[in-house]
Amino acid sequence: VLNAESKNNDAQGIGMRVLYGVSGVMHVALALFAGRLALGMGSAGGGDSKQAMTAELMSAPAGQALVGILGAIVIGVGIAQFYQAYTSKFMGKYQVSRMQEHERTVALRAGQAGLASRGVVFAIIGSFFINAAITRNPNEAGGLDAALATLANEAFGPFLLGAVSLGLLAYAVHCGFKAWYRHFEV
């Protein structure tokens, strides 16, 4: 809203700021959804829009390949999330001189856990798209809800789902630190 990333005030810059806000709201909603699933208070339904989009894409010329490429891109985003968690380069964007030692520690650990959890979710979603392309079945495509349901149905599913839920909450904490202590070049 305050243009902290120094985006232009054109349509693209305003659009990016809107997307940042939507992303924040979605992450809170996703963390709550995962928490409800982990506690057995909800079910993972839906997925129809992803399946319809995948079916439409697969009906296009070279659509099966496009769905596979989309899956590979989503997995690549997941791998990038793991890389960011492992290298902790995100800490270079903080004004660490303003942070107390315990804040630096929490920011580091929350960023690592949150980015790693996002990596898991993106990898699962990407594998759904690749599986849909291989089997030529758009019903195999799924989004976050299907990824979380897949975790829930595994051995120790509630524990895995709880870990991912906590990781997504850690990502929210990471975003909060990023909002408060981000270093900007003006």
Protein backbone atom coordinates (compact mmCIF):
# COMPACT_ATOMS: atom_id res chain seq x y z
CA VAL A 1 0.00 0.00 0.00
CA LEU A 2 2.85 2.38 0.87
CA ASN A 3 4.93 1.27 -2.13
CA ALA A 4 7.78 -0.05 0.00
CA GLU A 5 9.29 -1.89 -2.99
CA SER A 6 9.55 1.42 -4.91
CA LYS A 7 7.35 0.14 -7.71
CA ASN A 8 6.19 2.67 -10.26
CA ASN A 9 2.77 4.19 -9.73
CA ASP A 10 1.62 2.82 -13.06
CA ALA A 11 -0.82 -0.06 -13.48
CA GLN A 12 1.93 -2.67 -13.12
CA GLY A 13 3.26 -1.21 -9.86
CA ILE A 14 -0.21 -0.88 -8.36
CA GLY A 15 -1.01 -4.40 -9.54
CA MET A 16 2.08 -5.77 -7.79
CA ARG A 17 1.12 -4.08 -4.52
CA VAL A 18 -2.39 -5.53 -4.79
CA LEU A 19 -0.89 -8.98 -5.42
CA TYR A 20 1.32 -8.62 -2.32
CA GLY A 21 -1.77 -7.88 -0.23
CA VAL A 22 -3.74 -10.76 -1.73
CA SER A 23 -0.78 -13.07 -1.12
CA GLY A 24 -0.68 -12.11 2.55
CA VAL A 25 -4.40 -12.73 3.02
CA MET A 26 -4.14 -16.06 1.17
CA HIS A 27 -1.28 -17.26 3.37
CA VAL A 28 -3.25 -16.58 6.53
CA ALA A 29 -6.26 -18.40 5.05
CA LEU A 30 -4.09 -21.33 3.97
CA ALA A 31 -2.50 -21.64 7.38
CA LEU A 32 -5.95 -21.66 9.00
CA PHE A 33 -7.18 -24.25 6.48
CA ALA A 34 -4.18 -26.50 7.14
CA GLY A 35 -4.65 -26.12 10.88
CA ARG A 36 -8.32 -27.07 10.63
CA LEU A 37 -7.42 -30.15 8.58
CA ALA A 38 -4.73 -31.14 11.08
CA LEU A 39 -7.24 -30.90 13.92
CA GLY A 40 -9.82 -32.89 11.94
CA MET A 41 -12.20 -29.93 11.78
CA GLY A 42 -12.53 -29.70 8.01
CA SER A 43 -12.21 -31.53 4.76
CA ALA A 44 -10.25 -30.83 1.63
CA GLY A 45 -12.81 -30.49 -1.11
CA GLY A 46 -12.89 -28.47 -4.26
CA GLY A 47 -10.20 -28.53 -6.84
CA ASP A 48 -12.81 -28.30 -9.62
CA SER A 49 -11.49 -25.02 -11.00
CA LYS A 50 -7.93 -26.38 -11.22
CA GLN A 51 -9.19 -29.52 -12.91
CA ALA A 52 -11.31 -27.51 -15.37
CA MET A 53 -8.35 -25.25 -16.16
CA THR A 54 -6.10 -28.29 -16.62
CA ALA A 55 -8.67 -30.02 -18.85
CA GLU A 56 -8.95 -26.90 -21.00
CA LEU A 57 -5.18 -26.56 -21.22
CA MET A 58 -4.77 -30.24 -22.07
CA SER A 59 -7.29 -29.96 -24.91
CA ALA A 60 -5.13 -27.32 -26.62
CA PRO A 61 -2.47 -28.29 -29.13
CA ALA A 62 0.51 -29.59 -27.15
CA GLY A 63 -1.63 -29.12 -24.04
CA GLN A 64 -0.36 -32.25 -22.33
CA ALA A 65 3.20 -30.95 -22.67
CA LEU A 66 2.11 -27.52 -21.39
CA VAL A 67 0.57 -29.08 -18.27
CA GLY A 68 3.79 -31.03 -17.69
CA ILE A 69 5.85 -27.86 -18.16
CA LEU A 70 3.56 -26.02 -15.74
CA GLY A 71 4.14 -28.79 -13.20
CA ALA A 72 7.91 -28.55 -13.69
CA ILE A 73 7.77 -24.77 -13.21
CA VAL A 74 5.78 -25.15 -9.99
CA ILE A 75 8.28 -27.74 -8.73
CA GLY A 76 11.07 -25.31 -9.69
CA VAL A 77 9.41 -22.64 -7.55
CA GLY A 78 9.35 -25.17 -4.69
CA ILE A 79 13.04 -25.91 -5.15
CA ALA A 80 13.75 -22.17 -5.15
CA GLN A 81 11.89 -21.91 -1.83
CA PHE A 82 14.08 -24.70 -0.38
CA TYR A 83 17.19 -22.93 -1.70
CA GLN A 84 16.16 -19.65 -0.06
CA ALA A 85 15.51 -21.48 3.20
CA TYR A 86 18.87 -23.26 3.06
CA THR A 87 21.01 -20.24 2.13
CA SER A 88 19.15 -17.76 4.36
CA LYS A 89 19.94 -15.00 1.85
CA PHE A 90 16.61 -13.40 2.78
CA MET A 91 18.32 -12.14 5.95
CA GLY A 92 20.36 -9.77 3.77
CA LYS A 93 17.17 -7.83 3.06
CA TYR A 94 16.63 -7.04 6.73
CA GLN A 95 17.92 -4.02 8.59
CA VAL A 96 19.65 -6.33 11.06
CA SER A 97 21.19 -3.39 12.93
CA ARG A 98 17.67 -2.47 14.09
CA MET A 99 16.97 -6.03 15.28
CA GLN A 100 17.77 -7.45 18.68
CA GLU A 101 19.58 -10.78 18.79
CA HIS A 102 16.45 -12.80 19.61
CA GLU A 103 14.58 -11.06 16.76
CA ARG A 104 17.32 -12.02 14.32
CA THR A 105 17.10 -15.62 15.51
CA VAL A 106 13.30 -15.74 15.22
CA ALA A 107 13.40 -14.04 11.81
CA LEU A 108 15.98 -16.54 10.57
CA ARG A 109 14.20 -19.65 11.87
CA ALA A 110 10.73 -18.46 10.82
CA GLY A 111 12.02 -17.68 7.34
CA GLN A 112 13.71 -21.05 7.01
CA ALA A 113 10.70 -23.02 8.27
CA GLY A 114 8.21 -20.98 6.27
CA LEU A 115 10.12 -21.15 3.00
CA ALA A 116 10.76 -24.88 3.44
CA SER A 117 7.04 -25.51 4.07
CA ARG A 118 6.17 -23.55 0.95
CA GLY A 119 8.72 -25.65 -0.91
CA VAL A 120 6.96 -28.85 0.18
CA VAL A 121 3.56 -27.55 -0.88
CA PHE A 122 4.79 -26.27 -4.26
CA ALA A 123 6.57 -29.57 -4.95
CA ILE A 124 3.40 -31.56 -4.24
CA ILE A 125 1.24 -29.27 -6.39
CA GLY A 126 3.77 -29.47 -9.24
CA SER A 127 3.79 -33.26 -9.02
CA PHE A 128 -0.02 -33.24 -9.38
CA PHE A 129 0.27 -31.32 -12.66
CA ILE A 130 3.00 -33.62 -13.96
CA ASN A 131 0.93 -36.68 -13.00
CA ALA A 132 -2.09 -35.17 -14.80
CA ALA A 133 0.05 -34.69 -17.92
CA ILE A 134 1.47 -38.22 -17.80
CA THR A 135 -1.87 -39.92 -17.20
CA ARG A 136 -3.74 -37.51 -19.53
CA ASN A 137 -6.24 -37.10 -16.72
CA PRO A 138 -6.99 -33.49 -15.70
CA ASN A 139 -8.68 -34.81 -12.54
CA GLU A 140 -5.19 -35.59 -11.24
CA ALA A 141 -4.38 -31.87 -11.07
CA GLY A 142 -4.81 -30.27 -7.69
CA GLY A 143 -3.96 -27.15 -5.79
CA LEU A 144 -3.09 -26.43 -2.21
CA ASP A 145 -6.20 -28.09 -0.85
CA ALA A 146 -5.32 -31.34 -2.64
CA ALA A 147 -1.68 -31.09 -1.51
CA LEU A 148 -2.74 -30.70 2.12
CA ALA A 149 -5.27 -33.54 1.76
CA THR A 150 -2.50 -35.73 0.33
CA LEU A 151 -0.36 -35.02 3.38
CA ALA A 152 -3.32 -35.73 5.66
CA ASN A 153 -3.84 -39.16 4.05
CA GLU A 154 -0.22 -40.26 4.52
CA ALA A 155 1.06 -42.27 7.46
CA PHE A 156 1.42 -39.78 10.31
CA GLY A 157 -0.70 -37.45 8.14
CA PRO A 158 -2.02 -35.24 10.94
CA PHE A 159 1.55 -34.72 12.16
CA LEU A 160 2.80 -33.91 8.65
CA LEU A 161 -0.13 -31.60 8.08
CA GLY A 162 0.45 -29.96 11.44
CA ALA A 163 4.11 -29.43 10.59
CA VAL A 164 3.23 -27.83 7.25
CA SER A 165 0.58 -25.72 8.95
CA LEU A 166 3.11 -24.50 11.50
CA GLY A 167 5.55 -23.89 8.66
CA LEU A 168 3.01 -21.75 6.81
CA LEU A 169 2.39 -19.83 10.03
CA ALA A 170 6.16 -19.40 10.30
CA TYR A 171 6.06 -17.97 6.78
CA ALA A 172 3.50 -15.45 8.01
CA VAL A 173 5.90 -14.51 10.84
CA HIS A 174 8.70 -14.24 8.26
CA CYS A 175 6.53 -11.88 6.19
CA GLY A 176 5.83 -9.82 9.30
CA PHE A 177 9.54 -9.44 10.01
CA LYS A 178 10.11 -8.62 6.36
CA ALA A 179 7.45 -5.92 6.55
CA TRP A 180 8.88 -4.44 9.74
CA TYR A 181 12.65 -4.70 9.20
CA ARG A 182 13.05 -4.77 5.42
CA HIS A 183 16.02 -2.81 4.09
CA PHE A 184 15.13 -0.65 1.10
CA GLU A 185 17.33 1.09 -1.36
CA VAL A 186 15.83 4.53 -1.94
